[in-house]
Each structure stands twice: as structure tokens, then as C-alpha cells.
């Protein structure tokens, strides 16, 4: 979707800031690996976008989205969500948004900085 593309491009534009915070970004979608590949080819064919420099997990069985509580079984897909997990594997923050609402990348960076500062 347009929101997905906007969010991935925003994340990609901030990769160096995340890396400076020793933070890895992993994106996940309920779409299949083959859907991701087709989407990447479509992005490249427009000439406007480079392939995002982020790992993009495929969750066609919805196991990941169900485990993280963002799956909507009645619609067959997940809500927009992000999770901040620290170096000890502790979930520190969760935001789950309606499908029409994108995530605020600057706010995610601010939260990571705040957690790192207080640790």
C-alpha cells in the first residue's frame, strides 16, 4: 500500500541513525516472499525507488503477527505495528496503529534514545 511504501522509504532514509544507536530494523509483512519479490520488481521498474535496505520477513501463516498481537483474523492481515526490543530481548515498547495511520519514524528513534539513556 502507499502507507507501507512511505514507511519503508522513511525507515530506509534513517538507517544510519538507527545504526548509530546500535539498532537493527526488521520489517515484516503477512504477504508471501513471492509478493515481496514482485513488489521489489515493481518498485525498481518505476525508476523512482531503490530496493529497501531492510530485511523484510514474510509471514504468510500469520504466526509472527499473531504472536505479537497485531493480526486481524477477520480481515486476514495485520495492523501497522512496531516493537522495540532491547539487547536482552525484553520488549520495551509497542505501538499498534489502524491500517490508515502510518508510524512516526522520528518518534521511534526518540523512544530508542530514551530507553538507551535510562538504561
N, C-alpha and C. Protein backbone atom coordinates (compact mmCIF):
# COMPACT_ATOMS: atom_id res chain seq x y z
N UNK A 1 0.84 -1.19 0.00
CA UNK A 1 0.00 0.00 0.00
C UNK A 1 0.88 1.24 0.00
N UNK A 2 0.28 2.37 -0.24
CA UNK A 2 1.02 3.64 -0.24
C UNK A 2 1.64 3.91 1.12
N UNK A 3 0.90 3.59 2.20
CA UNK A 3 1.45 3.81 3.55
C UNK A 3 2.65 2.90 3.78
N UNK A 4 2.56 1.63 3.35
CA UNK A 4 3.69 0.70 3.51
C UNK A 4 4.93 1.25 2.81
N UNK A 5 4.75 1.69 1.57
CA UNK A 5 5.87 2.22 0.81
C UNK A 5 6.46 3.44 1.50
N UNK A 6 5.61 4.35 1.92
CA UNK A 6 6.06 5.57 2.60
C UNK A 6 6.85 5.23 3.86
N UNK A 7 6.34 4.27 4.63
CA UNK A 7 7.02 3.89 5.87
C UNK A 7 8.36 3.22 5.59
N UNK A 8 8.40 2.31 4.62
CA UNK A 8 9.67 1.65 4.31
C UNK A 8 10.71 2.65 3.82
N UNK A 9 10.29 3.57 2.97
CA UNK A 9 11.23 4.59 2.49
C UNK A 9 11.70 5.48 3.63
N UNK A 10 10.81 5.83 4.54
CA UNK A 10 11.19 6.64 5.70
C UNK A 10 12.18 5.89 6.58
N UNK A 11 11.93 4.60 6.81
CA UNK A 11 12.87 3.79 7.60
C UNK A 11 14.23 3.72 6.91
N UNK A 12 14.21 3.47 5.60
CA UNK A 12 15.47 3.38 4.85
C UNK A 12 16.26 4.68 4.92
N UNK A 13 15.56 5.80 4.91
CA UNK A 13 16.25 7.09 4.96
C UNK A 13 16.90 7.34 6.32
N UNK A 14 16.49 6.59 7.32
CA UNK A 14 17.01 6.77 8.68
C UNK A 14 17.89 5.60 9.14
N UNK A 15 18.25 4.71 8.22
CA UNK A 15 19.05 3.53 8.60
C UNK A 15 20.32 3.93 9.34
N UNK A 16 21.01 4.97 8.87
CA UNK A 16 22.26 5.38 9.53
C UNK A 16 22.00 5.85 10.96
N UNK A 17 20.87 6.52 11.20
CA UNK A 17 20.54 6.95 12.56
C UNK A 17 20.26 5.74 13.46
N UNK A 18 19.54 4.76 12.94
CA UNK A 18 19.27 3.55 13.72
C UNK A 18 20.58 2.81 14.02
N UNK A 19 21.44 2.71 13.01
CA UNK A 19 22.73 2.01 13.22
C UNK A 19 23.59 2.74 14.23
N UNK A 20 23.56 4.06 14.23
CA UNK A 20 24.32 4.84 15.22
C UNK A 20 23.83 4.54 16.64
N UNK A 21 22.58 4.12 16.75
CA UNK A 21 22.01 3.75 18.05
C UNK A 21 22.16 2.24 18.31
N UNK A 22 22.95 1.58 17.46
CA UNK A 22 23.16 0.12 17.58
C UNK A 22 21.83 -0.62 17.54
N UNK A 23 20.99 -0.19 16.61
CA UNK A 23 19.64 -0.73 16.49
C UNK A 23 19.44 -1.33 15.11
N UNK A 24 18.88 -2.52 15.08
CA UNK A 24 18.56 -3.18 13.82
C UNK A 24 17.07 -3.03 13.55
N UNK A 25 16.74 -2.84 12.30
CA UNK A 25 15.35 -2.75 11.88
C UNK A 25 15.02 -4.01 11.10
N UNK A 26 13.91 -4.63 11.42
CA UNK A 26 13.42 -5.78 10.66
C UNK A 26 11.96 -5.50 10.34
N UNK A 27 11.63 -5.51 9.07
CA UNK A 27 10.24 -5.31 8.66
C UNK A 27 9.59 -6.67 8.45
N UNK A 28 8.29 -6.73 8.64
CA UNK A 28 7.56 -7.99 8.50
C UNK A 28 6.20 -7.70 7.88
N UNK A 29 5.80 -8.57 6.98
CA UNK A 29 4.52 -8.43 6.30
C UNK A 29 3.86 -9.81 6.21
N UNK A 30 2.53 -9.84 6.22
CA UNK A 30 1.83 -11.11 6.06
C UNK A 30 1.84 -11.58 4.60
N UNK A 31 2.38 -10.76 3.71
CA UNK A 31 2.48 -11.16 2.31
C UNK A 31 3.56 -12.22 2.13
N UNK A 32 3.45 -12.97 1.06
CA UNK A 32 4.41 -14.04 0.79
C UNK A 32 5.73 -13.49 0.27
N UNK A 33 6.74 -14.33 0.32
CA UNK A 33 8.05 -14.00 -0.24
C UNK A 33 7.89 -13.58 -1.71
N UNK A 34 7.05 -14.31 -2.45
CA UNK A 34 6.87 -14.02 -3.87
C UNK A 34 6.18 -12.68 -4.09
N UNK A 35 5.27 -12.33 -3.20
CA UNK A 35 4.65 -11.00 -3.27
C UNK A 35 5.68 -9.91 -3.03
N UNK A 36 6.58 -10.16 -2.07
CA UNK A 36 7.65 -9.18 -1.80
C UNK A 36 8.54 -9.02 -3.02
N UNK A 37 8.90 -10.13 -3.65
CA UNK A 37 9.76 -10.05 -4.83
C UNK A 37 9.07 -9.28 -5.96
N UNK A 38 7.80 -9.54 -6.17
CA UNK A 38 7.05 -8.81 -7.21
C UNK A 38 6.98 -7.32 -6.87
N UNK A 39 6.80 -7.02 -5.60
CA UNK A 39 6.73 -5.62 -5.17
C UNK A 39 8.07 -4.94 -5.40
N UNK A 40 9.18 -5.63 -5.05
CA UNK A 40 10.51 -5.08 -5.29
C UNK A 40 10.72 -4.80 -6.78
N UNK A 41 10.33 -5.76 -7.64
CA UNK A 41 10.49 -5.56 -9.08
C UNK A 41 9.68 -4.36 -9.56
N UNK A 42 8.47 -4.23 -9.04
CA UNK A 42 7.62 -3.10 -9.42
C UNK A 42 8.26 -1.78 -8.99
N UNK A 43 8.81 -1.74 -7.78
CA UNK A 43 9.49 -0.53 -7.31
C UNK A 43 10.64 -0.17 -8.23
N UNK A 44 11.44 -1.17 -8.57
CA UNK A 44 12.60 -0.91 -9.43
C UNK A 44 12.17 -0.47 -10.82
N UNK A 45 11.11 -1.03 -11.35
CA UNK A 45 10.69 -0.72 -12.71
C UNK A 45 10.25 0.73 -12.87
N UNK A 46 9.79 1.34 -11.78
CA UNK A 46 9.37 2.74 -11.87
C UNK A 46 10.57 3.67 -12.00
N UNK A 47 11.72 3.20 -11.55
CA UNK A 47 12.91 4.04 -11.57
C UNK A 47 12.94 5.09 -10.48
N UNK A 48 11.91 5.13 -9.67
CA UNK A 48 11.82 6.14 -8.62
C UNK A 48 12.43 5.67 -7.30
N UNK A 49 12.44 4.36 -7.10
CA UNK A 49 12.81 3.83 -5.79
C UNK A 49 13.88 2.77 -5.90
N UNK A 50 14.74 2.74 -4.91
CA UNK A 50 15.70 1.64 -4.77
C UNK A 50 15.06 0.59 -3.87
N UNK A 51 15.54 -0.63 -3.97
CA UNK A 51 15.04 -1.67 -3.08
C UNK A 51 15.41 -1.29 -1.66
N UNK A 52 14.46 -1.34 -0.74
CA UNK A 52 14.75 -1.00 0.65
C UNK A 52 15.89 -1.85 1.21
N UNK A 53 16.75 -1.21 1.99
CA UNK A 53 17.91 -1.88 2.58
C UNK A 53 17.57 -2.47 3.94
N UNK A 54 16.43 -3.09 4.04
CA UNK A 54 15.99 -3.67 5.30
C UNK A 54 15.60 -5.12 5.08
N UNK A 55 15.85 -5.96 6.07
CA UNK A 55 15.30 -7.32 5.98
C UNK A 55 13.77 -7.22 6.00
N UNK A 56 13.14 -7.93 5.10
CA UNK A 56 11.68 -7.93 5.04
C UNK A 56 11.20 -9.38 5.19
N UNK A 57 10.71 -9.69 6.37
CA UNK A 57 10.23 -11.04 6.65
C UNK A 57 8.86 -11.26 6.04
N UNK A 58 8.63 -12.49 5.62
CA UNK A 58 7.34 -12.88 5.10
C UNK A 58 6.63 -13.72 6.15
N UNK A 59 5.39 -13.40 6.44
CA UNK A 59 4.61 -14.09 7.47
C UNK A 59 3.27 -14.59 6.91
N UNK A 60 3.32 -15.43 5.86
CA UNK A 60 2.06 -15.85 5.23
C UNK A 60 1.19 -16.74 6.12
N UNK A 61 1.77 -17.38 7.12
CA UNK A 61 0.97 -18.20 8.04
C UNK A 61 0.44 -17.38 9.21
N UNK A 62 0.88 -16.13 9.29
CA UNK A 62 0.46 -15.17 10.33
C UNK A 62 0.99 -15.54 11.71
N UNK A 63 1.94 -16.44 11.78
CA UNK A 63 2.49 -16.87 13.08
C UNK A 63 3.13 -15.71 13.82
N UNK A 64 3.90 -14.89 13.11
CA UNK A 64 4.60 -13.76 13.76
C UNK A 64 3.58 -12.71 14.20
N UNK A 65 2.70 -12.31 13.28
CA UNK A 65 1.73 -11.26 13.64
C UNK A 65 0.78 -11.71 14.74
N UNK A 66 0.43 -12.99 14.78
CA UNK A 66 -0.40 -13.50 15.87
C UNK A 66 0.37 -13.46 17.19
N UNK A 67 1.64 -13.87 17.14
CA UNK A 67 2.47 -13.88 18.36
C UNK A 67 2.63 -12.49 18.94
N UNK A 68 2.69 -11.48 18.07
CA UNK A 68 2.88 -10.11 18.53
C UNK A 68 1.57 -9.33 18.69
N UNK A 69 0.44 -10.01 18.51
CA UNK A 69 -0.85 -9.41 18.83
C UNK A 69 -1.37 -8.36 17.87
N UNK A 70 -0.91 -8.38 16.62
CA UNK A 70 -1.39 -7.36 15.68
C UNK A 70 -2.17 -7.95 14.50
N UNK A 71 -2.46 -9.25 14.56
CA UNK A 71 -3.17 -9.90 13.46
C UNK A 71 -4.68 -9.73 13.61
N UNK A 72 -5.35 -9.45 12.50
CA UNK A 72 -6.80 -9.32 12.46
C UNK A 72 -7.37 -10.49 11.66
N UNK A 73 -7.78 -11.57 12.32
CA UNK A 73 -8.23 -12.75 11.58
C UNK A 73 -9.43 -12.49 10.67
N UNK A 74 -10.32 -11.60 11.09
CA UNK A 74 -11.50 -11.33 10.27
C UNK A 74 -11.15 -10.64 8.95
N UNK A 75 -9.99 -9.99 8.90
CA UNK A 75 -9.56 -9.31 7.67
C UNK A 75 -8.43 -10.05 6.96
N UNK A 76 -7.79 -10.98 7.66
CA UNK A 76 -6.71 -11.76 7.05
C UNK A 76 -5.39 -11.03 6.93
N UNK A 77 -5.21 -9.97 7.68
CA UNK A 77 -3.93 -9.26 7.67
C UNK A 77 -3.69 -8.62 9.03
N UNK A 78 -2.57 -7.95 9.14
CA UNK A 78 -2.20 -7.37 10.43
C UNK A 78 -2.36 -5.85 10.41
N UNK A 79 -2.43 -5.29 11.60
CA UNK A 79 -2.41 -3.83 11.75
C UNK A 79 -0.97 -3.35 11.62
N UNK A 80 -0.79 -2.05 11.50
CA UNK A 80 0.55 -1.47 11.45
C UNK A 80 1.08 -1.41 12.88
N UNK A 81 2.21 -2.02 13.10
CA UNK A 81 2.75 -2.08 14.46
C UNK A 81 4.26 -1.97 14.43
N UNK A 82 4.81 -1.49 15.53
CA UNK A 82 6.25 -1.59 15.72
C UNK A 82 6.52 -1.96 17.16
N UNK A 83 7.65 -2.63 17.34
CA UNK A 83 8.04 -3.15 18.65
C UNK A 83 9.49 -2.78 18.87
N UNK A 84 9.80 -2.30 20.06
CA UNK A 84 11.19 -2.02 20.42
C UNK A 84 11.60 -3.09 21.41
N UNK A 85 12.59 -3.88 21.00
CA UNK A 85 13.09 -4.98 21.81
C UNK A 85 14.55 -4.67 22.12
N UNK A 86 14.91 -4.69 23.40
CA UNK A 86 16.28 -4.30 23.76
C UNK A 86 17.27 -5.44 23.56
N UNK A 87 18.53 -5.18 23.86
CA UNK A 87 19.60 -6.16 23.63
C UNK A 87 19.45 -7.41 24.49
N UNK A 88 18.64 -7.33 25.52
CA UNK A 88 18.39 -8.51 26.38
C UNK A 88 17.18 -9.30 25.90
N UNK A 89 16.55 -8.82 24.82
CA UNK A 89 15.37 -9.49 24.30
C UNK A 89 14.09 -9.11 25.01
N UNK A 90 14.14 -8.01 25.77
CA UNK A 90 12.97 -7.55 26.52
C UNK A 90 12.18 -6.56 25.67
N UNK A 91 10.90 -6.82 25.54
CA UNK A 91 10.01 -5.92 24.81
C UNK A 91 9.82 -4.66 25.64
N UNK A 92 10.27 -3.52 25.10
CA UNK A 92 10.22 -2.26 25.84
C UNK A 92 9.07 -1.36 25.41
N UNK A 93 8.61 -1.52 24.19
CA UNK A 93 7.57 -0.61 23.69
C UNK A 93 6.80 -1.28 22.56
N UNK A 94 5.51 -1.00 22.50
CA UNK A 94 4.64 -1.48 21.42
C UNK A 94 3.75 -0.33 20.98
N UNK A 95 3.63 -0.15 19.69
CA UNK A 95 2.63 0.74 19.12
C UNK A 95 1.91 -0.03 18.03
N UNK A 96 0.59 -0.04 18.08
CA UNK A 96 -0.21 -0.68 17.04
C UNK A 96 -1.20 0.37 16.53
N UNK A 97 -1.12 0.61 15.22
CA UNK A 97 -1.95 1.64 14.59
C UNK A 97 -2.99 1.01 13.67
N UNK A 98 -4.06 1.74 13.44
CA UNK A 98 -5.03 1.40 12.41
C UNK A 98 -4.32 1.37 11.06
N UNK A 99 -4.86 0.63 10.12
CA UNK A 99 -4.21 0.49 8.81
C UNK A 99 -3.99 1.81 8.08
N UNK A 100 -4.87 2.76 8.27
CA UNK A 100 -4.76 4.03 7.55
C UNK A 100 -3.73 4.97 8.15
N UNK A 101 -3.18 4.62 9.32
CA UNK A 101 -2.26 5.52 10.02
C UNK A 101 -0.85 4.95 9.99
N UNK A 102 0.06 5.71 9.41
CA UNK A 102 1.46 5.29 9.36
C UNK A 102 2.16 5.53 10.69
N UNK A 103 3.33 4.92 10.81
CA UNK A 103 4.12 5.08 12.03
C UNK A 103 5.03 6.29 11.92
N UNK A 104 5.35 6.89 13.05
CA UNK A 104 6.20 8.07 13.10
C UNK A 104 7.64 7.62 13.36
N UNK A 105 8.47 7.66 12.34
CA UNK A 105 9.84 7.16 12.44
C UNK A 105 10.66 8.00 13.41
N UNK A 106 10.47 9.32 13.41
CA UNK A 106 11.21 10.17 14.35
C UNK A 106 10.86 9.82 15.79
N UNK A 107 9.61 9.48 16.04
CA UNK A 107 9.19 9.10 17.39
C UNK A 107 9.81 7.76 17.79
N UNK A 108 9.93 6.84 16.86
CA UNK A 108 10.57 5.56 17.16
C UNK A 108 12.02 5.80 17.57
N UNK A 109 12.72 6.67 16.84
CA UNK A 109 14.11 6.99 17.18
C UNK A 109 14.17 7.65 18.55
N UNK A 110 13.26 8.57 18.83
CA UNK A 110 13.25 9.22 20.14
C UNK A 110 13.04 8.21 21.27
N UNK A 111 12.15 7.27 21.07
CA UNK A 111 11.90 6.25 22.08
C UNK A 111 13.14 5.39 22.33
N UNK A 112 13.80 4.99 21.26
CA UNK A 112 15.02 4.19 21.41
C UNK A 112 16.06 4.97 22.19
N UNK A 113 16.24 6.24 21.84
CA UNK A 113 17.19 7.08 22.58
C UNK A 113 16.82 7.18 24.05
N UNK A 114 15.54 7.34 24.34
CA UNK A 114 15.09 7.45 25.73
C UNK A 114 15.35 6.16 26.50
N UNK A 115 15.05 5.02 25.90
CA UNK A 115 15.31 3.75 26.58
C UNK A 115 16.81 3.55 26.81
N UNK A 116 17.61 3.89 25.82
CA UNK A 116 19.06 3.73 25.98
C UNK A 116 19.61 4.68 27.04
N UNK A 117 19.07 5.87 27.11
CA UNK A 117 19.53 6.85 28.09
C UNK A 117 19.21 6.39 29.51
N UNK A 118 18.02 5.82 29.69
CA UNK A 118 17.61 5.43 31.04
C UNK A 118 18.20 4.09 31.49
N UNK A 119 18.74 3.32 30.57
CA UNK A 119 19.34 2.01 30.94
C UNK A 119 20.69 2.16 31.61
